[in-house]
Amino acid sequence: MKIKKIPMRTCVVTKEKLPKKDLLRIVKFEDEIKIDETGKANGKGCYLKKDTDVVKKARDTKVLNKVFEMEVPDEIYDEIMKLID
Protein backbone atom coordinates (compact mmCIF):
# COMPACT_ATOMS: atom_id res chain seq x y z
CA MET A 1 0.00 0.00 0.00
CA LYS A 2 1.32 3.41 -1.01
CA ILE A 3 1.84 6.00 1.75
CA LYS A 4 0.27 9.37 0.97
CA LYS A 5 2.68 12.30 1.05
CA ILE A 6 1.78 15.00 3.58
CA PRO A 7 2.37 18.53 2.20
CA MET A 8 4.66 20.54 4.48
CA ARG A 9 4.77 24.34 4.67
CA THR A 10 6.82 26.85 6.70
CA CYS A 11 5.33 29.30 9.20
CA VAL A 12 6.60 32.85 8.52
CA VAL A 13 6.86 33.60 12.25
CA THR A 14 8.33 30.45 13.84
CA LYS A 15 10.08 29.13 10.67
CA GLU A 16 8.81 25.64 11.61
CA LYS A 17 7.99 23.15 8.85
CA LEU A 18 4.53 21.81 9.65
CA PRO A 19 1.80 19.88 7.84
CA LYS A 20 -0.30 22.22 5.70
CA LYS A 21 -3.47 21.42 7.68
CA ASP A 22 -1.87 22.79 10.89
CA LEU A 23 -1.29 26.20 9.28
CA LEU A 24 -3.49 29.06 8.14
CA ARG A 25 -2.83 30.61 4.71
CA ILE A 26 -2.95 34.38 4.26
CA VAL A 27 -3.09 35.69 0.67
CA LYS A 28 -2.44 39.00 -1.09
CA PHE A 29 -4.30 39.34 -4.37
CA GLU A 30 -4.62 42.67 -6.20
CA ASP A 31 -3.62 44.74 -3.13
CA GLU A 32 -6.16 43.00 -0.90
CA ILE A 33 -5.25 40.73 2.03
CA LYS A 34 -7.52 37.75 2.71
CA ILE A 35 -7.56 34.62 4.83
CA ASP A 36 -7.56 31.60 2.52
CA GLU A 37 -9.47 28.81 4.24
CA THR A 38 -9.42 26.61 1.12
CA GLY A 39 -5.65 26.84 0.63
CA LYS A 40 -6.15 27.29 -3.11
CA ALA A 41 -6.84 31.01 -3.64
CA ASN A 42 -4.86 32.95 -6.25
CA GLY A 43 -2.17 35.36 -5.15
CA LYS A 44 0.96 35.52 -3.04
CA GLY A 45 0.47 33.47 0.09
CA CYS A 46 2.20 32.79 3.38
CA TYR A 47 1.42 30.52 6.29
CA LEU A 48 0.88 31.13 10.02
CA LYS A 49 0.76 28.45 12.66
CA LYS A 50 -2.71 28.05 14.21
CA ASP A 51 -1.59 29.36 17.59
CA THR A 52 -2.68 32.56 19.36
CA ASP A 53 0.87 33.33 20.55
CA VAL A 54 2.16 33.11 16.96
CA VAL A 55 -0.58 35.45 15.69
CA LYS A 56 0.18 37.97 18.46
CA LYS A 57 3.89 37.81 17.60
CA ALA A 58 3.05 38.31 13.89
CA ARG A 59 1.03 41.41 14.80
CA ASP A 60 3.76 42.81 17.09
CA THR A 61 6.64 42.22 14.65
CA LYS A 62 4.55 43.19 11.59
CA VAL A 63 5.97 40.18 9.73
CA LEU A 64 3.00 40.05 7.31
CA ASN A 65 3.67 43.69 6.33
CA LYS A 66 7.19 42.64 5.33
CA VAL A 67 6.05 39.53 3.46
CA PHE A 68 3.33 41.31 1.47
CA GLU A 69 5.17 44.67 1.22
CA MET A 70 2.06 46.58 2.32
CA GLU A 71 0.16 47.48 5.50
CA VAL A 72 -1.94 44.59 6.81
CA PRO A 73 -5.09 45.88 8.58
CA ASP A 74 -5.74 44.89 12.21
CA GLU A 75 -9.08 43.39 11.12
CA ILE A 76 -7.15 40.55 9.43
CA TYR A 77 -5.43 39.66 12.71
CA ASP A 78 -8.80 39.81 14.51
CA GLU A 79 -10.33 37.45 11.93
CA ILE A 80 -7.39 35.04 12.33
CA MET A 81 -7.86 35.00 16.11
CA LYS A 82 -11.58 34.21 15.68
CA LEU A 83 -10.80 31.33 13.30
CA ILE A 84 -8.22 29.81 15.65
CA ASP A 85 -10.38 29.95 18.80
PDB file of N, CA and C in Angstrom:
ATOM      1  N   MET A   1       0.843  -1.186   0.000  1.00  0.00           N
ATOM      2  CA  MET A   1       0.000   0.000   0.000  1.00  0.00           C
ATOM      3  C   MET A   1       0.883   1.243   0.000  1.00  0.00           C
ATOM      4  N   LYS A   2       0.532   2.192  -0.856  1.00  0.00           N
ATOM      5  CA  LYS A   2       1.320   3.414  -1.008  1.00  0.00           C
ATOM      6  C   LYS A   2       0.996   4.404   0.106  1.00  0.00           C
ATOM      7  N   ILE A   3       2.017   5.002   0.698  1.00  0.00           N
ATOM      8  CA  ILE A   3       1.843   6.004   1.754  1.00  0.00           C
ATOM      9  C   ILE A   3       1.645   7.372   1.102  1.00  0.00           C
ATOM     10  N   LYS A   4       0.581   8.048   1.526  1.00  0.00           N
ATOM     11  CA  LYS A   4       0.272   9.365   0.971  1.00  0.00           C
ATOM     12  C   LYS A   4       1.226  10.414   1.532  1.00  0.00           C
ATOM     13  N   LYS A   5       1.757  11.241   0.643  1.00  0.00           N
ATOM     14  CA  LYS A   5       2.677  12.299   1.046  1.00  0.00           C
ATOM     15  C   LYS A   5       1.907  13.439   1.713  1.00  0.00           C
ATOM     16  N   ILE A   6       2.403  13.904   2.856  1.00  0.00           N
ATOM     17  CA  ILE A   6       1.779  15.005   3.579  1.00  0.00           C
ATOM     18  C   ILE A   6       2.481  16.299   3.173  1.00  0.00           C
ATOM     19  N   PRO A   7       1.731  17.270   2.596  1.00  0.00           N
ATOM     20  CA  PRO A   7       2.368  18.531   2.201  1.00  0.00           C
ATOM     21  C   PRO A   7       2.831  19.328   3.420  1.00  0.00           C
ATOM     22  N   MET A   8       4.079  19.766   3.386  1.00  0.00           N
ATOM     23  CA  MET A   8       4.657  20.544   4.484  1.00  0.00           C
ATOM     24  C   MET A   8       4.843  21.991   4.029  1.00  0.00           C
ATOM     25  N   ARG A   9       4.583  22.924   4.939  1.00  0.00           N
ATOM     26  CA  ARG A   9       4.767  24.344   4.669  1.00  0.00           C
ATOM     27  C   ARG A   9       5.477  24.976   5.865  1.00  0.00           C
ATOM     28  N   THR A  10       6.061  26.165   5.658  1.00  0.00           N
ATOM     29  CA  THR A  10       6.821  26.850   6.697  1.00  0.00           C
ATOM     30  C   THR A  10       6.049  28.053   7.228  1.00  0.00           C
ATOM     31  N   CYS A  11       5.955  28.152   8.548  1.00  0.00           N
ATOM     32  CA  CYS A  11       5.331  29.300   9.203  1.00  0.00           C
ATOM     33  C   CYS A  11       6.278  30.491   9.083  1.00  0.00           C
ATOM     34  N   VAL A  12       5.745  31.665   8.704  1.00  0.00           N
ATOM     35  CA  VAL A  12       6.598  32.847   8.521  1.00  0.00           C
ATOM     36  C   VAL A  12       7.092  33.432   9.840  1.00  0.00           C
ATOM     37  N   VAL A  13       6.459  33.078  10.948  1.00  0.00           N
ATOM     38  CA  VAL A  13       6.862  33.600  12.255  1.00  0.00           C
ATOM     39  C   VAL A  13       7.867  32.669  12.927  1.00  0.00           C
ATOM     40  N   THR A  14       7.489  31.395  13.085  1.00  0.00           N
ATOM     41  CA  THR A  14       8.332  30.454  13.836  1.00  0.00           C
ATOM     42  C   THR A  14       9.371  29.759  12.967  1.00  0.00           C
ATOM     43  N   LYS A  15       9.196  29.806  11.636  1.00  0.00           N
ATOM     44  CA  LYS A  15      10.077  29.135  10.669  1.00  0.00           C
ATOM     45  C   LYS A  15      10.041  27.607  10.807  1.00  0.00           C
ATOM     46  N   GLU A  16       8.980  27.078  11.459  1.00  0.00           N
ATOM     47  CA  GLU A  16       8.812  25.636  11.608  1.00  0.00           C
ATOM     48  C   GLU A  16       8.183  25.061  10.342  1.00  0.00           C
ATOM     49  N   LYS A  17       8.638  23.880   9.939  1.00  0.00           N
ATOM     50  CA  LYS A  17       7.985  23.153   8.853  1.00  0.00           C
ATOM     51  C   LYS A  17       6.914  22.280   9.478  1.00  0.00           C
ATOM     52  N   LEU A  18       5.672  22.523   9.078  1.00  0.00           N
ATOM     53  CA  LEU A  18       4.533  21.812   9.648  1.00  0.00           C
ATOM     54  C   LEU A  18       3.622  21.307   8.527  1.00  0.00           C
ATOM     55  N   PRO A  19       2.786  20.304   8.832  1.00  0.00           N
ATOM     56  CA  PRO A  19       1.798  19.878   7.837  1.00  0.00           C
ATOM     57  C   PRO A  19       0.872  21.040   7.469  1.00  0.00           C
ATOM     58  N   LYS A  20       0.513  21.116   6.212  1.00  0.00           N
ATOM     59  CA  LYS A  20      -0.298  22.220   5.698  1.00  0.00           C
ATOM     60  C   LYS A  20      -1.601  22.410   6.487  1.00  0.00           C
ATOM     61  N   LYS A  21      -2.203  21.326   6.963  1.00  0.00           N
ATOM     62  CA  LYS A  21      -3.474  21.417   7.684  1.00  0.00           C
ATOM     63  C   LYS A  21      -3.332  22.078   9.053  1.00  0.00           C
ATOM     64  N   ASP A  22      -2.109  22.153   9.598  1.00  0.00           N
ATOM     65  CA  ASP A  22      -1.868  22.787  10.894  1.00  0.00           C
ATOM     66  C   ASP A  22      -1.578  24.281  10.774  1.00  0.00           C
ATOM     67  N   LEU A  23      -1.615  24.798   9.544  1.00  0.00           N
ATOM     68  CA  LEU A  23      -1.294  26.198   9.285  1.00  0.00           C
ATOM     69  C   LEU A  23      -2.485  26.910   8.655  1.00  0.00           C
ATOM     70  N   LEU A  24      -2.457  28.228   8.739  1.00  0.00           N
ATOM     71  CA  LEU A  24      -3.493  29.059   8.136  1.00  0.00           C
ATOM     72  C   LEU A  24      -2.834  29.881   7.037  1.00  0.00           C
ATOM     73  N   ARG A  25      -3.424  29.899   5.842  1.00  0.00           N
ATOM     74  CA  ARG A  25      -2.829  30.606   4.705  1.00  0.00           C
ATOM     75  C   ARG A  25      -3.434  32.004   4.603  1.00  0.00           C
ATOM     76  N   ILE A  26      -2.558  32.991   4.469  1.00  0.00           N
ATOM     77  CA  ILE A  26      -2.949  34.380   4.263  1.00  0.00           C
ATOM     78  C   ILE A  26      -2.501  34.748   2.848  1.00  0.00           C
ATOM     79  N   VAL A  27      -3.367  35.427   2.083  1.00  0.00           N
ATOM     80  CA  VAL A  27      -3.094  35.690   0.672  1.00  0.00           C
ATOM     81  C   VAL A  27      -3.230  37.173   0.345  1.00  0.00           C
ATOM     82  N   LYS A  28      -2.321  37.645  -0.528  1.00  0.00           N
ATOM     83  CA  LYS A  28      -2.435  39.001  -1.086  1.00  0.00           C
ATOM     84  C   LYS A  28      -2.754  38.838  -2.569  1.00  0.00           C
ATOM     85  N   PHE A  29      -3.901  39.391  -2.970  1.00  0.00           N
ATOM     86  CA  PHE A  29      -4.299  39.335  -4.375  1.00  0.00           C
ATOM     87  C   PHE A  29      -4.861  40.693  -4.758  1.00  0.00           C
ATOM     88  N   GLU A  30      -4.219  41.335  -5.731  1.00  0.00           N
ATOM     89  CA  GLU A  30      -4.624  42.668  -6.204  1.00  0.00           C
ATOM     90  C   GLU A  30      -4.756  43.671  -5.059  1.00  0.00           C
ATOM     91  N   ASP A  31      -3.702  43.789  -4.253  1.00  0.00           N
ATOM     92  CA  ASP A  31      -3.619  44.743  -3.133  1.00  0.00           C
ATOM     93  C   ASP A  31      -4.707  44.540  -2.081  1.00  0.00           C
ATOM     94  N   GLU A  32      -5.177  43.324  -1.928  1.00  0.00           N
ATOM     95  CA  GLU A  32      -6.159  42.996  -0.900  1.00  0.00           C
ATOM     96  C   GLU A  32      -5.657  41.763  -0.146  1.00  0.00           C
ATOM     97  N   ILE A  33      -5.686  41.844   1.182  1.00  0.00           N
ATOM     98  CA  ILE A  33      -5.247  40.732   2.028  1.00  0.00           C
ATOM     99  C   ILE A  33      -6.471  39.946   2.471  1.00  0.00           C
ATOM    100  N   LYS A  34      -6.406  38.612   2.317  1.00  0.00           N
ATOM    101  CA  LYS A  34      -7.518  37.752   2.707  1.00  0.00           C
ATOM    102  C   LYS A  34      -6.992  36.518   3.431  1.00  0.00           C
ATOM    103  N   ILE A  35      -7.868  35.903   4.213  1.00  0.00           N
ATOM    104  CA  ILE A  35      -7.558  34.620   4.833  1.00  0.00           C
ATOM    105  C   ILE A  35      -8.085  33.548   3.891  1.00  0.00           C
ATOM    106  N   ASP A  36      -7.202  32.648   3.473  1.00  0.00           N
ATOM    107  CA  ASP A  36      -7.561  31.605   2.520  1.00  0.00           C
ATOM    108  C   ASP A  36      -7.836  30.302   3.264  1.00  0.00           C
ATOM    109  N   GLU A  37      -9.105  30.025   3.510  1.00  0.00           N
ATOM    110  CA  GLU A  37      -9.467  28.807   4.238  1.00  0.00           C
ATOM    111  C   GLU A  37      -9.388  27.569   3.356  1.00  0.00           C
ATOM    112  N   THR A  38      -9.481  27.751   2.029  1.00  0.00           N
ATOM    113  CA  THR A  38      -9.419  26.608   1.118  1.00  0.00           C
ATOM    114  C   THR A  38      -7.987  26.187   0.830  1.00  0.00           C
ATOM    115  N   GLY A  39      -7.043  27.133   0.943  1.00  0.00           N
ATOM    116  CA  GLY A  39      -5.648  26.838   0.629  1.00  0.00           C
ATOM    117  C   GLY A  39      -5.355  26.854  -0.855  1.00  0.00           C
ATOM    118  N   LYS A  40      -6.306  27.338  -1.655  1.00  0.00           N
ATOM    119  CA  LYS A  40      -6.154  27.294  -3.108  1.00  0.00           C
ATOM    120  C   LYS A  40      -6.391  28.634  -3.798  1.00  0.00           C
ATOM    121  N   ALA A  41      -6.539  29.702  -3.045  1.00  0.00           N
ATOM    122  CA  ALA A  41      -6.836  31.011  -3.640  1.00  0.00           C
ATOM    123  C   ALA A  41      -5.633  31.535  -4.417  1.00  0.00           C
ATOM    124  N   ASN A  42      -5.920  32.327  -5.450  1.00  0.00           N
ATOM    125  CA  ASN A  42      -4.863  32.948  -6.245  1.00  0.00           C
ATOM    126  C   ASN A  42      -4.169  34.033  -5.441  1.00  0.00           C
ATOM    127  N   GLY A  43      -2.910  34.270  -5.758  1.00  0.00           N
ATOM    128  CA  GLY A  43      -2.171  35.357  -5.148  1.00  0.00           C
ATOM    129  C   GLY A  43      -0.959  34.869  -4.378  1.00  0.00           C
ATOM    130  N   LYS A  44      -0.222  35.828  -3.839  1.00  0.00           N
ATOM    131  CA  LYS A  44       0.956  35.521  -3.036  1.00  0.00           C
ATOM    132  C   LYS A  44       0.496  35.110  -1.643  1.00  0.00           C
ATOM    133  N   GLY A  45       0.923  33.963  -1.195  1.00  0.00           N
ATOM    134  CA  GLY A  45       0.473  33.473   0.094  1.00  0.00           C
ATOM    135  C   GLY A  45       1.603  33.219   1.064  1.00  0.00           C
ATOM    136  N   CYS A  46       1.262  33.193   2.335  1.00  0.00           N
ATOM    137  CA  CYS A  46       2.196  32.791   3.380  1.00  0.00           C
ATOM    138  C   CYS A  46       1.391  32.060   4.448  1.00  0.00           C
ATOM    139  N   TYR A  47       2.089  31.365   5.309  1.00  0.00           N
ATOM    140  CA  TYR A  47       1.425  30.518   6.295  1.00  0.00           C
ATOM    141  C   TYR A  47       1.745  30.960   7.715  1.00  0.00           C
ATOM    142  N   LEU A  48       0.723  30.875   8.590  1.00  0.00           N
ATOM    143  CA  LEU A  48       0.877  31.128  10.018  1.00  0.00           C
ATOM    144  C   LEU A  48       0.417  29.890  10.773  1.00  0.00           C
ATOM    145  N   LYS A  49       1.160  29.558  11.800  1.00  0.00           N
ATOM    146  CA  LYS A  49       0.765  28.446  12.658  1.00  0.00           C
ATOM    147  C   LYS A  49      -0.531  28.799  13.376  1.00  0.00           C
ATOM    148  N   LYS A  50      -1.427  27.816  13.527  1.00  0.00           N
ATOM    149  CA  LYS A  50      -2.708  28.049  14.206  1.00  0.00           C
ATOM    150  C   LYS A  50      -2.490  28.073  15.714  1.00  0.00           C
ATOM    151  N   ASP A  51      -1.915  29.192  16.184  1.00  0.00           N
ATOM    152  CA  ASP A  51      -1.585  29.361  17.594  1.00  0.00           C
ATOM    153  C   ASP A  51      -1.727  30.843  17.930  1.00  0.00           C
ATOM    154  N   THR A  52      -2.443  31.156  19.011  1.00  0.00           N
ATOM    155  CA  THR A  52      -2.683  32.561  19.359  1.00  0.00           C
ATOM    156  C   THR A  52      -1.385  33.319  19.642  1.00  0.00           C
ATOM    157  N   ASP A  53      -0.406  32.661  20.261  1.00  0.00           N
ATOM    158  CA  ASP A  53       0.874  33.328  20.547  1.00  0.00           C
ATOM    159  C   ASP A  53       1.592  33.706  19.251  1.00  0.00           C
ATOM    160  N   VAL A  54       1.512  32.847  18.257  1.00  0.00           N
ATOM    161  CA  VAL A  54       2.157  33.113  16.962  1.00  0.00           C
ATOM    162  C   VAL A  54       1.477  34.290  16.269  1.00  0.00           C
ATOM    163  N   VAL A  55       0.154  34.351  16.321  1.00  0.00           N
ATOM    164  CA  VAL A  55      -0.581  35.451  15.692  1.00  0.00           C
ATOM    165  C   VAL A  55      -0.256  36.770  16.390  1.00  0.00           C
ATOM    166  N   LYS A  56      -0.182  36.755  17.715  1.00  0.00           N
ATOM    167  CA  LYS A  56       0.185  37.967  18.463  1.00  0.00           C
ATOM    168  C   LYS A  56       1.588  38.421  18.097  1.00  0.00           C
ATOM    169  N   LYS A  57       2.513  37.473  17.969  1.00  0.00           N
ATOM    170  CA  LYS A  57       3.888  37.811  17.597  1.00  0.00           C
ATOM    171  C   LYS A  57       3.925  38.380  16.174  1.00  0.00           C
ATOM    172  N   ALA A  58       3.124  37.806  15.271  1.00  0.00           N
ATOM    173  CA  ALA A  58       3.054  38.313  13.892  1.00  0.00           C
ATOM    174  C   ALA A  58       2.557  39.755  13.877  1.00  0.00           C
ATOM    175  N   ARG A  59       1.567  40.046  14.720  1.00  0.00           N
ATOM    176  CA  ARG A  59       1.026  41.412  14.803  1.00  0.00           C
ATOM    177  C   ARG A  59       2.072  42.369  15.368  1.00  0.00           C
ATOM    178  N   ASP A  60       2.763  41.960  16.435  1.00  0.00           N
ATOM    179  CA  ASP A  60       3.758  42.813  17.087  1.00  0.00           C
ATOM    180  C   ASP A  60       4.966  43.085  16.189  1.00  0.00           C
ATOM    181  N   THR A  61       5.442  42.063  15.489  1.00  0.00           N
ATOM    182  CA  THR A  61       6.639  42.220  14.654  1.00  0.00           C
ATOM    183  C   THR A  61       6.317  42.712  13.243  1.00  0.00           C
ATOM    184  N   LYS A  62       5.004  42.752  12.912  1.00  0.00           N
ATOM    185  CA  LYS A  62       4.549  43.186  11.588  1.00  0.00           C
ATOM    186  C   LYS A  62       5.179  42.361  10.468  1.00  0.00           C
ATOM    187  N   VAL A  63       5.329  41.062  10.707  1.00  0.00           N
ATOM    188  CA  VAL A  63       5.966  40.181   9.728  1.00  0.00           C
ATOM    189  C   VAL A  63       5.145  40.075   8.439  1.00  0.00           C
ATOM    190  N   LEU A  64       3.820  40.132   8.529  1.00  0.00           N
ATOM    191  CA  LEU A  64       2.995  40.054   7.313  1.00  0.00           C
ATOM    192  C   LEU A  64       3.162  41.309   6.454  1.00  0.00           C
ATOM    193  N   ASN A  65       3.398  42.460   7.090  1.00  0.00           N
ATOM    194  CA  ASN A  65       3.670  43.688   6.328  1.00  0.00           C
ATOM    195  C   ASN A  65       4.924  43.508   5.478  1.00  0.00           C
ATOM    196  N   LYS A  66       5.937  42.862   6.052  1.00  0.00           N
ATOM    197  CA  LYS A  66       7.190  42.642   5.330  1.00  0.00           C
ATOM    198  C   LYS A  66       7.008  41.638   4.197  1.00  0.00           C
ATOM    199  N   VAL A  67       6.261  40.573   4.473  1.00  0.00           N
ATOM    200  CA  VAL A  67       6.048  39.534   3.459  1.00  0.00           C
ATOM    201  C   VAL A  67       5.272  40.086   2.264  1.00  0.00           C
ATOM    202  N   PHE A  68       4.193  40.817   2.544  1.00  0.00           N
ATOM    203  CA  PHE A  68       3.325  41.314   1.471  1.00  0.00           C
ATOM    204  C   PHE A  68       3.704  42.701   0.974  1.00  0.00           C
ATOM    205  N   GLU A  69       4.687  43.344   1.601  1.00  0.00           N
ATOM    206  CA  GLU A  69       5.174  44.669   1.223  1.00  0.00           C
ATOM    207  C   GLU A  69       4.044  45.700   1.192  1.00  0.00           C
ATOM    208  N   MET A  70       3.135  45.604   2.170  1.00  0.00           N
ATOM    209  CA  MET A  70       2.058  46.584   2.323  1.00  0.00           C
ATOM    210  C   MET A  70       1.521  46.482   3.747  1.00  0.00           C
ATOM    211  N   GLU A  71       0.741  47.464   4.157  1.00  0.00           N
ATOM    212  CA  GLU A  71       0.164  47.483   5.503  1.00  0.00           C
ATOM    213  C   GLU A  71      -0.978  46.470   5.603  1.00  0.00           C
ATOM    214  N   VAL A  72      -0.883  45.575   6.575  1.00  0.00           N
ATOM    215  CA  VAL A  72      -1.941  44.593   6.813  1.00  0.00           C
ATOM    216  C   VAL A  72      -2.860  45.152   7.893  1.00  0.00           C
ATOM    217  N   PRO A  73      -4.167  45.301   7.592  1.00  0.00           N
ATOM    218  CA  PRO A  73      -5.086  45.885   8.576  1.00  0.00           C
ATOM    219  C   PRO A  73      -5.261  44.994   9.813  1.00  0.00           C
ATOM    220  N   ASP A  74      -5.539  45.622  10.958  1.00  0.00           N
ATOM    221  CA  ASP A  74      -5.742  44.891  12.212  1.00  0.00           C
ATOM    222  C   ASP A  74      -6.940  43.949  12.137  1.00  0.00           C
ATOM    223  N   GLU A  75      -7.900  44.249  11.251  1.00  0.00           N
ATOM    224  CA  GLU A  75      -9.078  43.387  11.117  1.00  0.00           C
ATOM    225  C   GLU A  75      -8.681  41.973  10.684  1.00  0.00           C
ATOM    226  N   ILE A  76      -7.626  41.865   9.883  1.00  0.00           N
ATOM    227  CA  ILE A  76      -7.150  40.552   9.427  1.00  0.00           C
ATOM    228  C   ILE A  76      -6.675  39.740  10.630  1.00  0.00           C
ATOM    229  N   TYR A  77      -5.911  40.371  11.513  1.00  0.00           N
ATOM    230  CA  TYR A  77      -5.429  39.664  12.712  1.00  0.00           C
ATOM    231  C   TYR A  77      -6.601  39.257  13.604  1.00  0.00           C
ATOM    232  N   ASP A  78      -7.614  40.127  13.710  1.00  0.00           N
ATOM    233  CA  ASP A  78      -8.801  39.809  14.513  1.00  0.00           C
ATOM    234  C   ASP A  78      -9.545  38.610  13.930  1.00  0.00           C
ATOM    235  N   GLU A  79      -9.670  38.581  12.588  1.00  0.00           N
ATOM    236  CA  GLU A  79     -10.328  37.447  11.930  1.00  0.00           C
ATOM    237  C   GLU A  79      -9.562  36.145  12.169  1.00  0.00           C
ATOM    238  N   ILE A  80      -8.236  36.224  12.096  1.00  0.00           N
ATOM    239  CA  ILE A  80      -7.394  35.037  12.328  1.00  0.00           C
ATOM    240  C   ILE A  80      -7.621  34.508  13.739  1.00  0.00           C
ATOM    241  N   MET A  81      -7.647  35.417  14.720  1.00  0.00           N
ATOM    242  CA  MET A  81      -7.856  34.999  16.107  1.00  0.00           C
ATOM    243  C   MET A  81      -9.210  34.308  16.277  1.00  0.00           C
ATOM    244  N   LYS A  82     -10.251  34.822  15.596  1.00  0.00           N
ATOM    245  CA  LYS A  82     -11.576  34.210  15.681  1.00  0.00           C
ATOM    246  C   LYS A  82     -11.570  32.807  15.077  1.00  0.00           C
ATOM    247  N   LEU A  83     -10.866  32.634  13.956  1.00  0.00           N
ATOM    248  CA  LEU A  83     -10.803  31.332  13.304  1.00  0.00           C
ATOM    249  C   LEU A  83     -10.066  30.301  14.151  1.00  0.00           C
ATOM    250  N   ILE A  84      -9.037  30.734  14.847  1.00  0.00           N
ATOM    251  CA  ILE A  84      -8.222  29.815  15.651  1.00  0.00           C
ATOM    252  C   ILE A  84      -8.968  29.368  16.893  1.00  0.00           C
ATOM    253  N   ASP A  85      -9.684  30.289  17.542  1.00  0.00           N
ATOM    254  CA  ASP A  85     -10.380  29.953  18.801  1.00  0.00           C
ATOM    255  C   ASP A  85     -11.527  29.003  18.628  1.00  0.00           C
TER     256      ASP A  85
END
